[in-house]
Amino acid sequence: MAQYSFVKSAGNMLVPATPDALEFLKTKVKFGAVLYADFSQARNPAFHRKYFSLLNLGYQYWEPTGGAISPADKELLTGM
């Protein structure tokens, strides 16, 4: 099933956001036809960039320098 993007404009009208959506409405949908659809709002890409930058910063800050076990635990294991 095809996905088309629409933008809400003044007067609570949905306007095609892409040329593909406009072409679909002009060629496939007759005037007065009823369309059924499941709508979802697109995610904010700027927020996702900030979120993943924060994750990278946290990983760089947290990254262990001594390996998977602490030096004290390593000394304990080598003493056995």
PDB file of N, CA and C in Angstrom:
ATOM      1  N   MET A   1       0.844  -1.163   0.000  1.00  0.00           N
ATOM      2  CA  MET A   1       0.000   0.000   0.000  1.00  0.00           C
ATOM      3  C   MET A   1       0.898   1.238   0.000  1.00  0.00           C
ATOM      4  N   ALA A   2       0.541   2.206  -0.782  1.00  0.00           N
ATOM      5  CA  ALA A   2       1.328   3.431  -0.897  1.00  0.00           C
ATOM      6  C   ALA A   2       1.112   4.333   0.313  1.00  0.00           C
ATOM      7  N   GLN A   3       2.123   5.128   0.608  1.00  0.00           N
ATOM      8  CA  GLN A   3       2.028   6.101   1.688  1.00  0.00           C
ATOM      9  C   GLN A   3       2.181   7.495   1.089  1.00  0.00           C
ATOM     10  N   TYR A   4       1.274   8.376   1.449  1.00  0.00           N
ATOM     11  CA  TYR A   4       1.306   9.745   0.963  1.00  0.00           C
ATOM     12  C   TYR A   4       1.324  10.686   2.152  1.00  0.00           C
ATOM     13  N   SER A   5       1.989  11.835   1.965  1.00  0.00           N
ATOM     14  CA  SER A   5       2.121  12.812   3.043  1.00  0.00           C
ATOM     15  C   SER A   5       1.212  14.004   2.775  1.00  0.00           C
ATOM     16  N   PHE A   6       0.567  14.467   3.842  1.00  0.00           N
ATOM     17  CA  PHE A   6      -0.300  15.628   3.771  1.00  0.00           C
ATOM     18  C   PHE A   6       0.046  16.582   4.903  1.00  0.00           C
ATOM     19  N   VAL A   7      -0.216  17.867   4.677  1.00  0.00           N
ATOM     20  CA  VAL A   7       0.037  18.895   5.679  1.00  0.00           C
ATOM     21  C   VAL A   7      -1.291  19.543   6.025  1.00  0.00           C
ATOM     22  N   LYS A   8      -1.536  19.732   7.323  1.00  0.00           N
ATOM     23  CA  LYS A   8      -2.767  20.384   7.758  1.00  0.00           C
ATOM     24  C   LYS A   8      -2.619  21.885   7.540  1.00  0.00           C
ATOM     25  N   SER A   9      -3.601  22.489   6.870  1.00  0.00           N
ATOM     26  CA  SER A   9      -3.557  23.919   6.592  1.00  0.00           C
ATOM     27  C   SER A   9      -4.753  24.603   7.241  1.00  0.00           C
ATOM     28  N   ALA A  10      -4.881  25.894   7.004  1.00  0.00           N
ATOM     29  CA  ALA A  10      -5.974  26.670   7.590  1.00  0.00           C
ATOM     30  C   ALA A  10      -7.315  26.085   7.164  1.00  0.00           C
ATOM     31  N   GLY A  11      -8.259  26.122   8.063  1.00  0.00           N
ATOM     32  CA  GLY A  11      -9.580  25.585   7.775  1.00  0.00           C
ATOM     33  C   GLY A  11      -9.654  24.084   7.937  1.00  0.00           C
ATOM     34  N   ASN A  12      -8.689  23.504   8.653  1.00  0.00           N
ATOM     35  CA  ASN A  12      -8.637  22.055   8.900  1.00  0.00           C
ATOM     36  C   ASN A  12      -8.649  21.244   7.607  1.00  0.00           C
ATOM     37  N   MET A  13      -7.916  21.721   6.607  1.00  0.00           N
ATOM     38  CA  MET A  13      -7.832  21.006   5.337  1.00  0.00           C
ATOM     39  C   MET A  13      -6.481  20.321   5.224  1.00  0.00           C
ATOM     40  N   LEU A  14      -6.468  19.153   4.601  1.00  0.00           N
ATOM     41  CA  LEU A  14      -5.227  18.431   4.343  1.00  0.00           C
ATOM     42  C   LEU A  14      -4.777  18.721   2.916  1.00  0.00           C
ATOM     43  N   VAL A  15      -3.544  19.211   2.789  1.00  0.00           N
ATOM     44  CA  VAL A  15      -2.983  19.582   1.494  1.00  0.00           C
ATOM     45  C   VAL A  15      -1.853  18.608   1.179  1.00  0.00           C
ATOM     46  N   PRO A  16      -1.760  18.103  -0.052  1.00  0.00           N
ATOM     47  CA  PRO A  16      -0.673  17.179  -0.394  1.00  0.00           C
ATOM     48  C   PRO A  16       0.693  17.823  -0.149  1.00  0.00           C
ATOM     49  N   ALA A  17       1.583  17.083   0.512  1.00  0.00           N
ATOM     50  CA  ALA A  17       2.911  17.608   0.848  1.00  0.00           C
ATOM     51  C   ALA A  17       3.951  17.241  -0.199  1.00  0.00           C
ATOM     52  N   THR A  18       3.669  16.259  -1.023  1.00  0.00           N
ATOM     53  CA  THR A  18       4.634  15.819  -2.034  1.00  0.00           C
ATOM     54  C   THR A  18       3.962  15.779  -3.406  1.00  0.00           C
ATOM     55  N   PRO A  19       4.753  15.845  -4.463  1.00  0.00           N
ATOM     56  CA  PRO A  19       4.173  15.725  -5.811  1.00  0.00           C
ATOM     57  C   PRO A  19       3.479  14.377  -6.031  1.00  0.00           C
ATOM     58  N   ASP A  20       3.982  13.319  -5.403  1.00  0.00           N
ATOM     59  CA  ASP A  20       3.347  12.000  -5.543  1.00  0.00           C
ATOM     60  C   ASP A  20       1.936  12.005  -4.966  1.00  0.00           C
ATOM     61  N   ALA A  21       1.771  12.643  -3.818  1.00  0.00           N
ATOM     62  CA  ALA A  21       0.449  12.711  -3.196  1.00  0.00           C
ATOM     63  C   ALA A  21      -0.504  13.526  -4.059  1.00  0.00           C
ATOM     64  N   LEU A  22      -0.004  14.609  -4.628  1.00  0.00           N
ATOM     65  CA  LEU A  22      -0.836  15.434  -5.502  1.00  0.00           C
ATOM     66  C   LEU A  22      -1.248  14.660  -6.752  1.00  0.00           C
ATOM     67  N   GLU A  23      -0.313  13.930  -7.343  1.00  0.00           N
ATOM     68  CA  GLU A  23      -0.622  13.131  -8.535  1.00  0.00           C
ATOM     69  C   GLU A  23      -1.651  12.045  -8.213  1.00  0.00           C
ATOM     70  N   PHE A  24      -1.515  11.418  -7.038  1.00  0.00           N
ATOM     71  CA  PHE A  24      -2.475  10.399  -6.625  1.00  0.00           C
ATOM     72  C   PHE A  24      -3.877  10.989  -6.546  1.00  0.00           C
ATOM     73  N   LEU A  25      -3.999  12.168  -5.929  1.00  0.00           N
ATOM     74  CA  LEU A  25      -5.319  12.790  -5.803  1.00  0.00           C
ATOM     75  C   LEU A  25      -5.894  13.184  -7.155  1.00  0.00           C
ATOM     76  N   LYS A  26      -5.042  13.662  -8.058  1.00  0.00           N
ATOM     77  CA  LYS A  26      -5.532  14.105  -9.365  1.00  0.00           C
ATOM     78  C   LYS A  26      -5.931  12.944 -10.265  1.00  0.00           C
ATOM     79  N   THR A  27      -5.180  11.841 -10.218  1.00  0.00           N
ATOM     80  CA  THR A  27      -5.414  10.763 -11.184  1.00  0.00           C
ATOM     81  C   THR A  27      -6.259   9.615 -10.647  1.00  0.00           C
ATOM     82  N   LYS A  28      -6.158   9.305  -9.378  1.00  0.00           N
ATOM     83  CA  LYS A  28      -6.795   8.099  -8.848  1.00  0.00           C
ATOM     84  C   LYS A  28      -8.090   8.357  -8.083  1.00  0.00           C
ATOM     85  N   VAL A  29      -8.267   9.567  -7.560  1.00  0.00           N
ATOM     86  CA  VAL A  29      -9.417   9.839  -6.700  1.00  0.00           C
ATOM     87  C   VAL A  29     -10.392  10.751  -7.432  1.00  0.00           C
ATOM     88  N   LYS A  30     -11.624  10.301  -7.525  1.00  0.00           N
ATOM     89  CA  LYS A  30     -12.656  11.108  -8.163  1.00  0.00           C
ATOM     90  C   LYS A  30     -13.185  12.140  -7.175  1.00  0.00           C
ATOM     91  N   PHE A  31     -13.704  13.237  -7.703  1.00  0.00           N
ATOM     92  CA  PHE A  31     -14.253  14.293  -6.859  1.00  0.00           C
ATOM     93  C   PHE A  31     -15.437  13.758  -6.054  1.00  0.00           C
ATOM     94  N   GLY A  32     -15.422  13.995  -4.755  1.00  0.00           N
ATOM     95  CA  GLY A  32     -16.492  13.538  -3.880  1.00  0.00           C
ATOM     96  C   GLY A  32     -16.290  12.142  -3.331  1.00  0.00           C
ATOM     97  N   ALA A  33     -15.214  11.467  -3.711  1.00  0.00           N
ATOM     98  CA  ALA A  33     -14.945  10.115  -3.217  1.00  0.00           C
ATOM     99  C   ALA A  33     -14.516  10.170  -1.753  1.00  0.00           C
ATOM    100  N   VAL A  34     -14.861   9.128  -1.022  1.00  0.00           N
ATOM    101  CA  VAL A  34     -14.498   9.027   0.390  1.00  0.00           C
ATOM    102  C   VAL A  34     -13.283   8.111   0.506  1.00  0.00           C
ATOM    103  N   LEU A  35     -12.256   8.584   1.209  1.00  0.00           N
ATOM    104  CA  LEU A  35     -11.035   7.808   1.427  1.00  0.00           C
ATOM    105  C   LEU A  35     -10.933   7.450   2.899  1.00  0.00           C
ATOM    106  N   TYR A  36     -10.510   6.230   3.180  1.00  0.00           N
ATOM    107  CA  TYR A  36     -10.254   5.792   4.547  1.00  0.00           C
ATOM    108  C   TYR A  36      -8.749   5.640   4.712  1.00  0.00           C
ATOM    109  N   ALA A  37      -8.232   6.119   5.850  1.00  0.00           N
ATOM    110  CA  ALA A  37      -6.782   6.051   6.067  1.00  0.00           C
ATOM    111  C   ALA A  37      -6.471   6.005   7.556  1.00  0.00           C
ATOM    112  N   ASP A  38      -5.318   5.439   7.879  1.00  0.00           N
ATOM    113  CA  ASP A  38      -4.773   5.486   9.237  1.00  0.00           C
ATOM    114  C   ASP A  38      -3.684   6.544   9.227  1.00  0.00           C
ATOM    115  N   PHE A  39      -3.849   7.573  10.052  1.00  0.00           N
ATOM    116  CA  PHE A  39      -2.905   8.682  10.059  1.00  0.00           C
ATOM    117  C   PHE A  39      -1.964   8.579  11.243  1.00  0.00           C
ATOM    118  N   SER A  40      -0.727   8.991  11.027  1.00  0.00           N
ATOM    119  CA  SER A  40       0.248   9.099  12.111  1.00  0.00           C
ATOM    120  C   SER A  40       1.110  10.323  11.838  1.00  0.00           C
ATOM    121  N   GLN A  41       1.575  10.933  12.913  1.00  0.00           N
ATOM    122  CA  GLN A  41       2.383  12.131  12.782  1.00  0.00           C
ATOM    123  C   GLN A  41       3.849  11.738  12.664  1.00  0.00           C
ATOM    124  N   ALA A  42       4.564  12.370  11.761  1.00  0.00           N
ATOM    125  CA  ALA A  42       5.984  12.070  11.560  1.00  0.00           C
ATOM    126  C   ALA A  42       6.786  12.511  12.779  1.00  0.00           C
ATOM    127  N   ARG A  43       7.851  11.767  13.062  1.00  0.00           N
ATOM    128  CA  ARG A  43       8.710  12.115  14.187  1.00  0.00           C
ATOM    129  C   ARG A  43       9.565  13.325  13.841  1.00  0.00           C
ATOM    130  N   ASN A  44      10.012  13.999  14.882  1.00  0.00           N
ATOM    131  CA  ASN A  44      10.812  15.198  14.717  1.00  0.00           C
ATOM    132  C   ASN A  44      12.282  14.816  14.508  1.00  0.00           C
ATOM    133  N   PRO A  45      12.838  14.987  13.307  1.00  0.00           N
ATOM    134  CA  PRO A  45      14.224  14.565  13.068  1.00  0.00           C
ATOM    135  C   PRO A  45      15.247  15.372  13.860  1.00  0.00           C
ATOM    136  N   ALA A  46      14.970  16.640  14.129  1.00  0.00           N
ATOM    137  CA  ALA A  46      15.916  17.453  14.909  1.00  0.00           C
ATOM    138  C   ALA A  46      16.039  16.906  16.328  1.00  0.00           C
ATOM    139  N   PHE A  47      14.923  16.477  16.902  1.00  0.00           N
ATOM    140  CA  PHE A  47      14.961  15.892  18.244  1.00  0.00           C
ATOM    141  C   PHE A  47      15.776  14.601  18.246  1.00  0.00           C
ATOM    142  N   HIS A  48      15.604  13.770  17.233  1.00  0.00           N
ATOM    143  CA  HIS A  48      16.344  12.509  17.168  1.00  0.00           C
ATOM    144  C   HIS A  48      17.845  12.744  17.033  1.00  0.00           C
ATOM    145  N   ARG A  49      18.239  13.762  16.246  1.00  0.00           N
ATOM    146  CA  ARG A  49      19.666  14.083  16.137  1.00  0.00           C
ATOM    147  C   ARG A  49      20.227  14.483  17.493  1.00  0.00           C
ATOM    148  N   LYS A  50      19.489  15.319  18.229  1.00  0.00           N
ATOM    149  CA  LYS A  50      19.945  15.730  19.560  1.00  0.00           C
ATOM    150  C   LYS A  50      20.005  14.536  20.503  1.00  0.00           C
ATOM    151  N   TYR A  51      19.008  13.674  20.444  1.00  0.00           N
ATOM    152  CA  TYR A  51      18.952  12.512  21.331  1.00  0.00           C
ATOM    153  C   TYR A  51      20.141  11.581  21.092  1.00  0.00           C
ATOM    154  N   PHE A  52      20.427  11.272  19.828  1.00  0.00           N
ATOM    155  CA  PHE A  52      21.527  10.362  19.541  1.00  0.00           C
ATOM    156  C   PHE A  52      22.884  11.015  19.794  1.00  0.00           C
ATOM    157  N   SER A  53      22.981  12.328  19.636  1.00  0.00           N
ATOM    158  CA  SER A  53      24.216  13.022  20.021  1.00  0.00           C
ATOM    159  C   SER A  53      24.435  12.913  21.517  1.00  0.00           C
ATOM    160  N   LEU A  54      23.365  13.029  22.282  1.00  0.00           N
ATOM    161  CA  LEU A  54      23.462  12.877  23.731  1.00  0.00           C
ATOM    162  C   LEU A  54      23.875  11.456  24.101  1.00  0.00           C
ATOM    163  N   LEU A  55      23.339  10.459  23.415  1.00  0.00           N
ATOM    164  CA  LEU A  55      23.746   9.075  23.668  1.00  0.00           C
ATOM    165  C   LEU A  55      25.227   8.870  23.362  1.00  0.00           C
ATOM    166  N   ASN A  56      25.699   9.422  22.250  1.00  0.00           N
ATOM    167  CA  ASN A  56      27.122   9.306  21.909  1.00  0.00           C
ATOM    168  C   ASN A  56      27.994   9.998  22.943  1.00  0.00           C
ATOM    169  N   LEU A  57      27.580  11.165  23.402  1.00  0.00           N
ATOM    170  CA  LEU A  57      28.338  11.878  24.424  1.00  0.00           C
ATOM    171  C   LEU A  57      28.391  11.066  25.708  1.00  0.00           C
ATOM    172  N   GLY A  58      27.264  10.498  26.103  1.00  0.00           N
ATOM    173  CA  GLY A  58      27.228   9.663  27.304  1.00  0.00           C
ATOM    174  C   GLY A  58      28.103   8.435  27.168  1.00  0.00           C
ATOM    175  N   TYR A  59      28.119   7.818  26.000  1.00  0.00           N
ATOM    176  CA  TYR A  59      28.951   6.634  25.791  1.00  0.00           C
ATOM    177  C   TYR A  59      30.429   6.997  25.858  1.00  0.00           C
ATOM    178  N   GLN A  60      30.806   8.123  25.237  1.00  0.00           N
ATOM    179  CA  GLN A  60      32.209   8.541  25.270  1.00  0.00           C
ATOM    180  C   GLN A  60      32.640   8.871  26.695  1.00  0.00           C
ATOM    181  N   TYR A  61      31.756   9.451  27.478  1.00  0.00           N
ATOM    182  CA  TYR A  61      32.081   9.791  28.860  1.00  0.00           C
ATOM    183  C   TYR A  61      32.195   8.534  29.713  1.00  0.00           C
ATOM    184  N   TRP A  62      31.293   7.577  29.497  1.00  0.00           N
ATOM    185  CA  TRP A  62      31.202   6.389  30.347  1.00  0.00           C
ATOM    186  C   TRP A  62      32.187   5.305  29.955  1.00  0.00           C
ATOM    187  N   GLU A  63      32.675   5.298  28.737  1.00  0.00           N
ATOM    188  CA  GLU A  63      33.476   4.190  28.213  1.00  0.00           C
ATOM    189  C   GLU A  63      34.585   3.797  29.194  1.00  0.00           C
ATOM    190  N   PRO A  64      34.590   2.537  29.646  1.00  0.00           N
ATOM    191  CA  PRO A  64      35.577   2.108  30.641  1.00  0.00           C
ATOM    192  C   PRO A  64      36.984   2.085  30.048  1.00  0.00           C
ATOM    193  N   THR A  65      37.966   2.427  30.874  1.00  0.00           N
ATOM    194  CA  THR A  65      39.353   2.443  30.411  1.00  0.00           C
ATOM    195  C   THR A  65      40.099   1.197  30.844  1.00  0.00           C
ATOM    196  N   GLY A  66      39.606   0.511  31.875  1.00  0.00           N
ATOM    197  CA  GLY A  66      40.321  -0.645  32.404  1.00  0.00           C
ATOM    198  C   GLY A  66      39.805  -1.965  31.908  1.00  0.00           C
ATOM    199  N   GLY A  67      38.901  -1.984  30.975  1.00  0.00           N
ATOM    200  CA  GLY A  67      38.358  -3.235  30.478  1.00  0.00           C
ATOM    201  C   GLY A  67      37.062  -3.591  31.183  1.00  0.00           C
ATOM    202  N   ALA A  68      36.692  -4.863  31.087  1.00  0.00           N
ATOM    203  CA  ALA A  68      35.415  -5.310  31.629  1.00  0.00           C
ATOM    204  C   ALA A  68      35.446  -5.453  33.147  1.00  0.00           C
ATOM    205  N   ILE A  69      36.610  -5.680  33.725  1.00  0.00           N
ATOM    206  CA  ILE A  69      36.700  -5.814  35.184  1.00  0.00           C
ATOM    207  C   ILE A  69      37.668  -4.767  35.722  1.00  0.00           C
ATOM    208  N   SER A  70      37.471  -4.387  36.959  1.00  0.00           N
ATOM    209  CA  SER A  70      38.311  -3.359  37.565  1.00  0.00           C
ATOM    210  C   SER A  70      39.702  -3.916  37.859  1.00  0.00           C
ATOM    211  N   PRO A  71      40.703  -3.047  37.991  1.00  0.00           N
ATOM    212  CA  PRO A  71      42.059  -3.517  38.302  1.00  0.00           C
ATOM    213  C   PRO A  71      42.123  -4.296  39.619  1.00  0.00           C
ATOM    214  N   ALA A  72      41.332  -3.903  40.613  1.00  0.00           N
ATOM    215  CA  ALA A  72      41.335  -4.621  41.892  1.00  0.00           C
ATOM    216  C   ALA A  72      40.810  -6.045  41.709  1.00  0.00           C
ATOM    217  N   ASP A  73      39.745  -6.208  40.936  1.00  0.00           N
ATOM    218  CA  ASP A  73      39.206  -7.547  40.679  1.00  0.00           C
ATOM    219  C   ASP A  73      40.188  -8.384  39.859  1.00  0.00           C
ATOM    220  N   LYS A  74      40.891  -7.742  38.928  1.00  0.00           N
ATOM    221  CA  LYS A  74      41.871  -8.455  38.112  1.00  0.00           C
ATOM    222  C   LYS A  74      43.023  -8.961  38.982  1.00  0.00           C
ATOM    223  N   GLU A  75      43.455  -8.141  39.933  1.00  0.00           N
ATOM    224  CA  GLU A  75      44.525  -8.549  40.844  1.00  0.00           C
ATOM    225  C   GLU A  75      44.074  -9.712  41.713  1.00  0.00           C
ATOM    226  N   LEU A  76      42.833  -9.685  42.149  1.00  0.00           N
ATOM    227  CA  LEU A  76      42.286 -10.766  42.962  1.00  0.00           C
ATOM    228  C   LEU A  76      42.282 -12.077  42.171  1.00  0.00           C
ATOM    229  N   LEU A  77      41.891 -12.013  40.907  1.00  0.00           N
ATOM    230  CA  LEU A  77      41.831 -13.220  40.081  1.00  0.00           C
ATOM    231  C   LEU A  77      43.219 -13.776  39.768  1.00  0.00           C
ATOM    232  N   THR A  78      44.204 -12.925  39.543  1.00  0.00           N
ATOM    233  CA  THR A  78      45.546 -13.421  39.234  1.00  0.00           C
ATOM    234  C   THR A  78      46.233 -13.989  40.470  1.00  0.00           C
ATOM    235  N   GLY A  79      45.777 -13.622  41.653  1.00  0.00           N
ATOM    236  CA  GLY A  79      46.368 -14.139  42.883  1.00  0.00           C
ATOM    237  C   GLY A  79      45.916 -15.545  43.204  1.00  0.00           C
ATOM    238  N   MET A  80      44.919 -16.064  42.529  1.00  0.00           N
ATOM    239  CA  MET A  80      44.400 -17.404  42.834  1.00  0.00           C
ATOM    240  C   MET A  80      45.173 -18.472  42.149  1.00  0.00           C
TER     241      MET A  80
END
